[in-house]
Amino acid sequence: MARRFKLKPGSQLLLFLVCFTIAVWVLRGLTLLSFLPGIVLWLLVVACLVVFLVNSLRSMR
């Protein structure tokens, strides 16, 4: 029986945020989401960094 790789909730959140940020970036570049201001993309990037730092600090304990 194959064992599945299970991510921690914090890692799942980070993976979701990174994928969502890349999707928004690509769709904005294709002008499908061109109505979104640039600050939305920057906030998503900052959110990814914050979640990454929090996960890193939690795993050090």
N, C-alpha and C. Protein backbone atom coordinates (compact mmCIF):
# COMPACT_ATOMS: atom_id res chain seq x y z
N MET A 1 0.84 -1.17 0.00
CA MET A 1 0.00 0.00 0.00
C MET A 1 0.89 1.24 0.00
N ALA A 2 0.57 2.18 -0.84
CA ALA A 2 1.38 3.39 -0.96
C ALA A 2 1.06 4.35 0.18
N ARG A 3 2.10 4.96 0.71
CA ARG A 3 1.92 5.95 1.77
C ARG A 3 1.83 7.33 1.13
N ARG A 4 0.89 8.11 1.59
CA ARG A 4 0.72 9.46 1.06
C ARG A 4 1.53 10.43 1.88
N PHE A 5 2.04 11.43 1.21
CA PHE A 5 2.80 12.48 1.87
C PHE A 5 1.83 13.50 2.42
N LYS A 6 1.85 13.72 3.73
CA LYS A 6 0.90 14.63 4.36
C LYS A 6 1.63 15.88 4.82
N LEU A 7 1.12 17.05 4.40
CA LEU A 7 1.70 18.32 4.80
C LEU A 7 1.04 18.85 6.07
N LYS A 8 1.80 19.61 6.82
CA LYS A 8 1.25 20.27 8.00
C LYS A 8 0.32 21.39 7.54
N PRO A 9 -0.61 21.80 8.39
CA PRO A 9 -1.55 22.86 7.99
C PRO A 9 -0.87 24.16 7.57
N GLY A 10 0.21 24.53 8.24
CA GLY A 10 0.93 25.74 7.88
C GLY A 10 1.57 25.63 6.50
N SER A 11 2.08 24.45 6.18
CA SER A 11 2.67 24.23 4.87
C SER A 11 1.60 24.19 3.78
N GLN A 12 0.44 23.65 4.12
CA GLN A 12 -0.66 23.66 3.16
C GLN A 12 -1.10 25.08 2.85
N LEU A 13 -1.16 25.92 3.89
CA LEU A 13 -1.54 27.33 3.68
C LEU A 13 -0.51 28.03 2.81
N LEU A 14 0.76 27.77 3.06
CA LEU A 14 1.82 28.39 2.25
C LEU A 14 1.73 27.93 0.81
N LEU A 15 1.53 26.66 0.58
CA LEU A 15 1.41 26.14 -0.77
C LEU A 15 0.21 26.75 -1.50
N PHE A 16 -0.92 26.86 -0.80
CA PHE A 16 -2.09 27.49 -1.39
C PHE A 16 -1.83 28.95 -1.74
N LEU A 17 -1.21 29.69 -0.83
CA LEU A 17 -0.93 31.11 -1.09
C LEU A 17 0.03 31.29 -2.26
N VAL A 18 1.05 30.48 -2.34
CA VAL A 18 2.00 30.59 -3.44
C VAL A 18 1.31 30.29 -4.77
N CYS A 19 0.52 29.23 -4.81
CA CYS A 19 -0.19 28.89 -6.05
C CYS A 19 -1.19 29.97 -6.43
N PHE A 20 -1.91 30.49 -5.45
CA PHE A 20 -2.88 31.56 -5.71
C PHE A 20 -2.19 32.82 -6.21
N THR A 21 -1.05 33.16 -5.61
CA THR A 21 -0.30 34.34 -6.03
C THR A 21 0.20 34.20 -7.46
N ILE A 22 0.72 33.02 -7.80
CA ILE A 22 1.20 32.79 -9.16
C ILE A 22 0.04 32.86 -10.15
N ALA A 23 -1.10 32.30 -9.77
CA ALA A 23 -2.27 32.35 -10.66
C ALA A 23 -2.73 33.78 -10.90
N VAL A 24 -2.79 34.58 -9.84
CA VAL A 24 -3.19 35.98 -9.99
C VAL A 24 -2.18 36.73 -10.84
N TRP A 25 -0.91 36.47 -10.62
CA TRP A 25 0.14 37.15 -11.38
C TRP A 25 0.02 36.83 -12.88
N VAL A 26 -0.16 35.55 -13.19
CA VAL A 26 -0.27 35.14 -14.60
C VAL A 26 -1.54 35.71 -15.23
N LEU A 27 -2.66 35.61 -14.53
CA LEU A 27 -3.91 36.12 -15.08
C LEU A 27 -3.89 37.64 -15.23
N ARG A 28 -3.19 38.31 -14.33
CA ARG A 28 -3.06 39.76 -14.46
C ARG A 28 -2.16 40.11 -15.65
N GLY A 29 -1.15 39.30 -15.87
CA GLY A 29 -0.27 39.51 -17.01
C GLY A 29 -0.97 39.26 -18.33
N LEU A 30 -1.93 38.35 -18.34
CA LEU A 30 -2.71 38.07 -19.54
C LEU A 30 -3.88 39.05 -19.70
N THR A 31 -3.95 40.04 -18.84
CA THR A 31 -4.97 41.10 -18.79
C THR A 31 -6.37 40.57 -18.51
N LEU A 32 -6.48 39.37 -17.96
CA LEU A 32 -7.78 38.88 -17.54
C LEU A 32 -8.18 39.46 -16.18
N LEU A 33 -7.20 39.77 -15.37
CA LEU A 33 -7.45 40.41 -14.08
C LEU A 33 -6.77 41.78 -14.03
N SER A 34 -6.80 42.48 -15.13
CA SER A 34 -6.10 43.76 -15.20
C SER A 34 -6.75 44.84 -14.34
N PHE A 35 -7.98 44.61 -13.90
CA PHE A 35 -8.67 45.59 -13.07
C PHE A 35 -8.15 45.60 -11.63
N LEU A 36 -7.41 44.55 -11.24
CA LEU A 36 -6.85 44.50 -9.89
C LEU A 36 -5.66 45.46 -9.78
N PRO A 37 -5.62 46.25 -8.73
CA PRO A 37 -4.46 47.12 -8.55
C PRO A 37 -3.21 46.30 -8.18
N GLY A 38 -2.07 46.86 -8.43
CA GLY A 38 -0.82 46.18 -8.16
C GLY A 38 -0.60 45.87 -6.70
N ILE A 39 -1.23 46.66 -5.82
CA ILE A 39 -1.04 46.44 -4.38
C ILE A 39 -1.58 45.07 -3.95
N VAL A 40 -2.58 44.57 -4.66
CA VAL A 40 -3.14 43.25 -4.33
C VAL A 40 -2.08 42.17 -4.53
N LEU A 41 -1.35 42.27 -5.61
CA LEU A 41 -0.28 41.30 -5.87
C LEU A 41 0.82 41.42 -4.83
N TRP A 42 1.19 42.64 -4.47
CA TRP A 42 2.21 42.84 -3.45
C TRP A 42 1.76 42.31 -2.09
N LEU A 43 0.49 42.49 -1.76
CA LEU A 43 -0.02 41.97 -0.50
C LEU A 43 0.01 40.44 -0.47
N LEU A 44 -0.27 39.81 -1.60
CA LEU A 44 -0.18 38.36 -1.67
C LEU A 44 1.26 37.88 -1.49
N VAL A 45 2.20 38.58 -2.09
CA VAL A 45 3.62 38.21 -1.94
C VAL A 45 4.06 38.38 -0.49
N VAL A 46 3.66 39.48 0.13
CA VAL A 46 4.01 39.71 1.53
C VAL A 46 3.36 38.65 2.42
N ALA A 47 2.12 38.28 2.12
CA ALA A 47 1.46 37.23 2.90
C ALA A 47 2.21 35.91 2.79
N CYS A 48 2.71 35.59 1.60
CA CYS A 48 3.51 34.37 1.42
C CYS A 48 4.77 34.42 2.27
N LEU A 49 5.43 35.56 2.28
CA LEU A 49 6.65 35.70 3.08
C LEU A 49 6.37 35.57 4.58
N VAL A 50 5.29 36.18 5.03
CA VAL A 50 4.94 36.12 6.45
C VAL A 50 4.61 34.69 6.86
N VAL A 51 3.84 33.99 6.06
CA VAL A 51 3.49 32.60 6.38
C VAL A 51 4.75 31.74 6.37
N PHE A 52 5.64 31.98 5.42
CA PHE A 52 6.90 31.24 5.38
C PHE A 52 7.72 31.47 6.64
N LEU A 53 7.84 32.72 7.07
CA LEU A 53 8.62 33.02 8.27
C LEU A 53 7.99 32.41 9.52
N VAL A 54 6.68 32.48 9.63
CA VAL A 54 6.01 31.89 10.79
C VAL A 54 6.20 30.38 10.80
N ASN A 55 6.07 29.73 9.64
CA ASN A 55 6.29 28.28 9.58
C ASN A 55 7.72 27.93 9.94
N SER A 56 8.66 28.72 9.49
CA SER A 56 10.06 28.45 9.79
C SER A 56 10.33 28.59 11.28
N LEU A 57 9.78 29.62 11.89
CA LEU A 57 9.99 29.80 13.33
C LEU A 57 9.30 28.71 14.14
N ARG A 58 8.15 28.25 13.69
CA ARG A 58 7.45 27.18 14.40
C ARG A 58 8.20 25.86 14.31
N SER A 59 8.82 25.60 13.17
CA SER A 59 9.52 24.33 13.00
C SER A 59 10.84 24.29 13.77
N MET A 60 11.35 25.44 14.16
CA MET A 60 12.59 25.48 14.93
C MET A 60 12.39 25.05 16.37
N ARG A 61 11.20 25.13 16.86
CA ARG A 61 10.94 24.78 18.26
C ARG A 61 11.08 23.32 18.53
